[in-house]
């Protein structure tokens, strides 16, 4: 983790948020930190938005750190009549993703 990176240095190793599929009046959404919106997709066309694929590899445009974005809807008895979308971002490191920070290394 590059704490001095102005783009992703503020992100934790793992962040998970969840929001209901159906909103009640007065409900507020859980959002990722603003820094997540500056990460760029490695494996999706630019026309796709975050959340249109269940898994997506993201990368910091400044330092090359890689993150895995996931969304899912868990099922089971805990969510009867209440469906929630879960989303997470996990830092996986630039060496695992073969990003720009790995160029020139053997």
N, C-alpha and C. Protein backbone atom coordinates (compact mmCIF):
# COMPACT_ATOMS: atom_id res chain seq x y z
N UNK A 1 0.84 -1.18 0.00
CA UNK A 1 0.00 0.00 0.00
C UNK A 1 0.87 1.23 0.00
N UNK A 2 0.54 2.15 -0.83
CA UNK A 2 1.28 3.39 -0.90
C UNK A 2 0.48 4.48 -0.19
N UNK A 3 0.79 4.71 1.08
CA UNK A 3 0.04 5.70 1.84
C UNK A 3 0.21 7.10 1.30
N UNK A 4 1.30 7.34 0.57
CA UNK A 4 1.50 8.67 0.03
C UNK A 4 0.85 8.86 -1.34
N UNK A 5 0.16 7.86 -1.86
CA UNK A 5 -0.53 8.00 -3.14
C UNK A 5 -1.74 8.91 -2.93
N UNK A 6 -1.84 10.00 -3.71
CA UNK A 6 -2.97 10.92 -3.54
C UNK A 6 -4.30 10.34 -3.99
N UNK A 7 -4.28 9.26 -4.77
CA UNK A 7 -5.52 8.68 -5.26
C UNK A 7 -6.03 7.59 -4.33
N UNK A 8 -5.21 6.58 -4.04
CA UNK A 8 -5.70 5.42 -3.28
C UNK A 8 -5.11 5.28 -1.89
N UNK A 9 -4.25 6.18 -1.49
CA UNK A 9 -3.59 6.08 -0.19
C UNK A 9 -4.53 6.08 1.00
N UNK A 10 -5.75 6.57 0.84
CA UNK A 10 -6.70 6.64 1.95
C UNK A 10 -7.57 5.40 2.06
N UNK A 11 -7.48 4.47 1.11
CA UNK A 11 -8.36 3.30 1.11
C UNK A 11 -7.83 2.19 2.02
N UNK A 12 -8.74 1.56 2.75
CA UNK A 12 -8.40 0.41 3.58
C UNK A 12 -8.15 -0.81 2.68
N UNK A 13 -7.58 -1.86 3.25
CA UNK A 13 -7.33 -3.09 2.48
C UNK A 13 -8.63 -3.73 1.99
N UNK A 14 -9.71 -3.58 2.77
CA UNK A 14 -11.00 -4.16 2.40
C UNK A 14 -12.11 -3.22 2.85
N UNK A 15 -13.03 -2.95 1.94
CA UNK A 15 -14.18 -2.10 2.24
C UNK A 15 -15.42 -2.82 1.71
N UNK A 16 -16.45 -2.94 2.56
CA UNK A 16 -17.70 -3.55 2.12
C UNK A 16 -18.85 -2.62 2.47
N UNK A 17 -19.76 -2.45 1.52
CA UNK A 17 -20.97 -1.68 1.75
C UNK A 17 -22.16 -2.52 1.33
N UNK A 18 -23.34 -2.20 1.82
CA UNK A 18 -24.56 -2.89 1.39
C UNK A 18 -25.71 -1.92 1.42
N UNK A 19 -26.63 -2.13 0.49
CA UNK A 19 -27.79 -1.28 0.35
C UNK A 19 -29.01 -2.12 0.00
N UNK A 20 -30.17 -1.73 0.47
CA UNK A 20 -31.38 -2.49 0.16
C UNK A 20 -31.77 -2.35 -1.31
N UNK A 21 -32.36 -3.40 -1.85
CA UNK A 21 -32.83 -3.34 -3.22
C UNK A 21 -34.01 -2.38 -3.32
N UNK A 22 -34.86 -2.37 -2.31
CA UNK A 22 -36.02 -1.48 -2.27
C UNK A 22 -35.80 -0.46 -1.17
N UNK A 23 -35.91 0.81 -1.53
CA UNK A 23 -35.64 1.88 -0.59
C UNK A 23 -36.88 2.30 0.16
N UNK A 24 -36.73 2.50 1.46
CA UNK A 24 -37.79 3.07 2.28
C UNK A 24 -37.60 4.58 2.32
N UNK A 25 -38.65 5.30 2.55
CA UNK A 25 -38.56 6.75 2.63
C UNK A 25 -37.60 7.14 3.75
N UNK A 26 -36.70 8.05 3.46
CA UNK A 26 -35.74 8.53 4.44
C UNK A 26 -34.48 7.70 4.54
N UNK A 27 -34.38 6.61 3.80
CA UNK A 27 -33.17 5.76 3.86
C UNK A 27 -32.01 6.47 3.17
N UNK A 28 -30.82 6.23 3.65
CA UNK A 28 -29.62 6.78 3.02
C UNK A 28 -28.73 5.64 2.54
N UNK A 29 -28.08 5.84 1.43
CA UNK A 29 -27.24 4.81 0.83
C UNK A 29 -25.86 4.78 1.48
N UNK A 30 -25.30 3.59 1.57
CA UNK A 30 -23.90 3.45 1.94
C UNK A 30 -23.10 3.63 0.66
N UNK A 31 -22.06 4.41 0.72
CA UNK A 31 -21.24 4.69 -0.46
C UNK A 31 -19.79 4.35 -0.17
N UNK A 32 -19.05 4.01 -1.24
CA UNK A 32 -17.61 3.85 -1.12
C UNK A 32 -16.98 5.22 -0.91
N UNK A 33 -15.78 5.25 -0.32
CA UNK A 33 -15.07 6.52 -0.24
C UNK A 33 -14.85 7.10 -1.65
N UNK A 34 -14.77 8.40 -1.74
CA UNK A 34 -14.61 9.09 -3.02
C UNK A 34 -13.42 8.54 -3.83
N UNK A 35 -12.36 8.13 -3.17
CA UNK A 35 -11.16 7.64 -3.86
C UNK A 35 -11.46 6.44 -4.76
N UNK A 36 -12.44 5.62 -4.40
CA UNK A 36 -12.78 4.45 -5.22
C UNK A 36 -13.24 4.88 -6.61
N UNK A 37 -13.91 6.01 -6.71
CA UNK A 37 -14.42 6.47 -8.00
C UNK A 37 -13.30 6.91 -8.95
N UNK A 38 -12.09 7.06 -8.42
CA UNK A 38 -10.96 7.45 -9.26
C UNK A 38 -10.17 6.26 -9.78
N UNK A 39 -10.48 5.05 -9.28
CA UNK A 39 -9.82 3.84 -9.79
C UNK A 39 -10.37 3.55 -11.18
N UNK A 40 -9.53 2.98 -12.04
CA UNK A 40 -9.95 2.69 -13.41
C UNK A 40 -10.06 1.19 -13.64
N UNK A 41 -10.98 0.82 -14.51
CA UNK A 41 -11.20 -0.59 -14.82
C UNK A 41 -10.11 -1.11 -15.73
N UNK A 42 -9.63 -2.31 -15.42
CA UNK A 42 -8.61 -2.95 -16.24
C UNK A 42 -9.24 -3.88 -17.27
N UNK A 43 -10.39 -4.48 -16.93
CA UNK A 43 -10.96 -5.52 -17.79
C UNK A 43 -12.36 -5.22 -18.30
N UNK A 44 -12.77 -3.98 -18.30
CA UNK A 44 -14.10 -3.64 -18.81
C UNK A 44 -13.99 -2.45 -19.76
N UNK A 45 -14.83 -2.42 -20.78
CA UNK A 45 -14.81 -1.27 -21.68
C UNK A 45 -15.17 0.01 -20.94
N UNK A 46 -14.66 1.15 -21.38
CA UNK A 46 -14.93 2.42 -20.71
C UNK A 46 -16.41 2.76 -20.61
N UNK A 47 -17.24 2.17 -21.47
CA UNK A 47 -18.66 2.49 -21.45
C UNK A 47 -19.37 1.86 -20.26
N UNK A 48 -18.76 0.87 -19.60
CA UNK A 48 -19.40 0.22 -18.46
C UNK A 48 -19.10 0.98 -17.18
N UNK A 49 -20.10 1.02 -16.30
CA UNK A 49 -19.95 1.67 -15.01
C UNK A 49 -19.63 0.61 -13.96
N UNK A 50 -19.04 1.06 -12.88
CA UNK A 50 -18.78 0.18 -11.75
C UNK A 50 -20.09 -0.42 -11.28
N UNK A 51 -20.12 -1.72 -11.12
CA UNK A 51 -21.33 -2.39 -10.66
C UNK A 51 -22.10 -3.08 -11.75
N UNK A 52 -21.70 -2.93 -13.00
CA UNK A 52 -22.39 -3.60 -14.10
C UNK A 52 -21.89 -5.03 -14.29
N UNK A 53 -20.79 -5.39 -13.66
CA UNK A 53 -20.26 -6.74 -13.70
C UNK A 53 -20.08 -7.22 -12.27
N UNK A 54 -20.27 -8.51 -11.99
CA UNK A 54 -20.15 -8.98 -10.61
C UNK A 54 -18.73 -8.92 -10.04
N UNK A 55 -17.74 -8.98 -10.90
CA UNK A 55 -16.35 -8.82 -10.46
C UNK A 55 -15.63 -7.96 -11.49
N UNK A 56 -14.76 -7.12 -10.99
CA UNK A 56 -14.03 -6.24 -11.89
C UNK A 56 -12.68 -5.90 -11.29
N UNK A 57 -11.66 -5.94 -12.10
CA UNK A 57 -10.33 -5.56 -11.66
C UNK A 57 -10.16 -4.06 -11.87
N UNK A 58 -9.82 -3.35 -10.80
CA UNK A 58 -9.61 -1.90 -10.84
C UNK A 58 -8.17 -1.60 -10.52
N UNK A 59 -7.69 -0.46 -10.99
CA UNK A 59 -6.31 -0.09 -10.76
C UNK A 59 -6.21 1.41 -10.50
N UNK A 60 -5.32 1.76 -9.60
CA UNK A 60 -5.06 3.18 -9.34
C UNK A 60 -4.27 3.74 -10.52
N UNK A 61 -4.75 4.82 -11.13
CA UNK A 61 -4.03 5.37 -12.28
C UNK A 61 -2.72 6.04 -11.89
N UNK A 62 -2.53 6.33 -10.63
CA UNK A 62 -1.33 7.04 -10.18
C UNK A 62 -0.20 6.08 -9.80
N UNK A 63 -0.51 5.06 -8.94
CA UNK A 63 0.58 4.21 -8.43
C UNK A 63 0.51 2.77 -8.96
N UNK A 64 -0.58 2.39 -9.64
CA UNK A 64 -0.70 1.05 -10.20
C UNK A 64 -1.22 -0.01 -9.25
N UNK A 65 -1.58 0.35 -8.01
CA UNK A 65 -2.12 -0.61 -7.06
C UNK A 65 -3.42 -1.18 -7.62
N UNK A 66 -3.63 -2.48 -7.46
CA UNK A 66 -4.81 -3.15 -8.01
C UNK A 66 -5.80 -3.50 -6.91
N UNK A 67 -7.08 -3.49 -7.29
CA UNK A 67 -8.19 -3.77 -6.38
C UNK A 67 -9.18 -4.67 -7.09
N UNK A 68 -9.82 -5.56 -6.34
CA UNK A 68 -10.87 -6.40 -6.88
C UNK A 68 -12.20 -5.88 -6.36
N UNK A 69 -13.08 -5.48 -7.28
CA UNK A 69 -14.42 -5.03 -6.95
C UNK A 69 -15.38 -6.20 -7.14
N UNK A 70 -16.30 -6.41 -6.19
CA UNK A 70 -17.31 -7.46 -6.30
C UNK A 70 -18.65 -6.92 -5.84
N UNK A 71 -19.73 -7.43 -6.44
CA UNK A 71 -21.07 -7.19 -5.91
C UNK A 71 -21.83 -8.49 -5.92
N UNK A 72 -22.71 -8.67 -4.95
CA UNK A 72 -23.49 -9.89 -4.85
C UNK A 72 -24.74 -9.63 -4.02
N UNK A 73 -25.70 -10.54 -4.15
CA UNK A 73 -26.93 -10.51 -3.37
C UNK A 73 -27.02 -11.83 -2.61
N UNK A 74 -26.66 -11.82 -1.34
CA UNK A 74 -26.75 -13.06 -0.58
C UNK A 74 -28.20 -13.46 -0.39
N UNK A 75 -28.45 -14.74 -0.30
CA UNK A 75 -29.81 -15.24 -0.08
C UNK A 75 -29.87 -15.98 1.24
N UNK A 76 -31.04 -16.47 1.55
CA UNK A 76 -31.20 -17.24 2.77
C UNK A 76 -32.27 -16.66 3.68
N UNK A 77 -32.42 -17.26 4.83
CA UNK A 77 -33.51 -16.89 5.72
C UNK A 77 -33.35 -15.51 6.34
N UNK A 78 -32.14 -14.98 6.40
CA UNK A 78 -31.93 -13.67 7.01
C UNK A 78 -32.51 -12.53 6.18
N UNK A 79 -32.74 -12.77 4.90
CA UNK A 79 -33.19 -11.66 4.06
C UNK A 79 -34.61 -11.86 3.50
N UNK A 80 -35.45 -12.61 4.22
CA UNK A 80 -36.82 -12.80 3.76
C UNK A 80 -37.50 -11.44 3.67
N UNK A 81 -38.01 -11.14 2.50
CA UNK A 81 -38.71 -9.88 2.22
C UNK A 81 -37.79 -8.66 2.23
N UNK A 82 -36.48 -8.87 2.39
CA UNK A 82 -35.52 -7.78 2.38
C UNK A 82 -34.30 -8.23 1.57
N UNK A 83 -34.11 -7.68 0.40
CA UNK A 83 -32.97 -8.05 -0.43
C UNK A 83 -31.95 -6.92 -0.39
N UNK A 84 -30.71 -7.29 -0.17
CA UNK A 84 -29.63 -6.31 -0.09
C UNK A 84 -28.58 -6.60 -1.15
N UNK A 85 -28.05 -5.55 -1.74
CA UNK A 85 -26.91 -5.65 -2.64
C UNK A 85 -25.66 -5.37 -1.81
N UNK A 86 -24.71 -6.27 -1.88
CA UNK A 86 -23.43 -6.07 -1.19
C UNK A 86 -22.38 -5.74 -2.25
N UNK A 87 -21.48 -4.84 -1.91
CA UNK A 87 -20.37 -4.49 -2.79
C UNK A 87 -19.11 -4.43 -1.94
N UNK A 88 -17.99 -4.82 -2.54
CA UNK A 88 -16.73 -4.74 -1.80
C UNK A 88 -15.59 -4.36 -2.74
N UNK A 89 -14.57 -3.79 -2.13
CA UNK A 89 -13.30 -3.49 -2.80
C UNK A 89 -12.22 -4.11 -1.93
N UNK A 90 -11.35 -4.94 -2.54
CA UNK A 90 -10.24 -5.56 -1.82
C UNK A 90 -8.94 -5.23 -2.54
N UNK A 91 -7.98 -4.71 -1.78
CA UNK A 91 -6.66 -4.43 -2.36
C UNK A 91 -5.97 -5.76 -2.61
N UNK A 92 -5.53 -5.99 -3.85
CA UNK A 92 -4.84 -7.24 -4.16
C UNK A 92 -3.38 -7.00 -4.52
N UNK A 93 -2.96 -5.75 -4.64
CA UNK A 93 -1.56 -5.43 -4.90
C UNK A 93 -1.22 -5.45 -6.36
N UNK A 94 -0.31 -4.61 -6.76
CA UNK A 94 0.04 -4.50 -8.18
C UNK A 94 0.78 -5.72 -8.70
N UNK A 95 1.53 -6.43 -7.85
CA UNK A 95 2.26 -7.60 -8.33
C UNK A 95 1.32 -8.75 -8.70
N UNK A 96 0.15 -8.85 -8.04
CA UNK A 96 -0.79 -9.92 -8.35
C UNK A 96 -1.53 -9.67 -9.66
N UNK A 97 -1.71 -8.42 -10.00
CA UNK A 97 -2.49 -8.07 -11.18
C UNK A 97 -1.63 -7.79 -12.40
N UNK A 98 -0.32 -7.70 -12.23
CA UNK A 98 0.56 -7.42 -13.35
C UNK A 98 0.37 -6.02 -13.90
N UNK A 99 0.21 -5.06 -13.00
CA UNK A 99 -0.05 -3.68 -13.39
C UNK A 99 1.21 -2.91 -13.72
N UNK A 100 1.08 -1.61 -13.95
CA UNK A 100 2.19 -0.76 -14.35
C UNK A 100 3.36 -0.79 -13.37
N UNK A 101 3.08 -0.99 -12.09
CA UNK A 101 4.16 -1.02 -11.11
C UNK A 101 5.07 -2.22 -11.29
N UNK A 102 4.64 -3.23 -12.05
CA UNK A 102 5.44 -4.43 -12.26
C UNK A 102 6.34 -4.34 -13.50
N UNK A 103 6.11 -3.36 -14.34
CA UNK A 103 6.86 -3.28 -15.58
C UNK A 103 8.35 -3.17 -15.30
N UNK A 104 9.12 -3.94 -16.02
CA UNK A 104 10.57 -3.92 -15.89
C UNK A 104 11.09 -4.79 -14.76
N UNK A 105 10.22 -5.43 -14.00
CA UNK A 105 10.66 -6.32 -12.94
C UNK A 105 10.64 -7.75 -13.44
N UNK A 106 11.52 -8.59 -12.91
CA UNK A 106 11.53 -10.00 -13.31
C UNK A 106 11.21 -10.90 -12.18
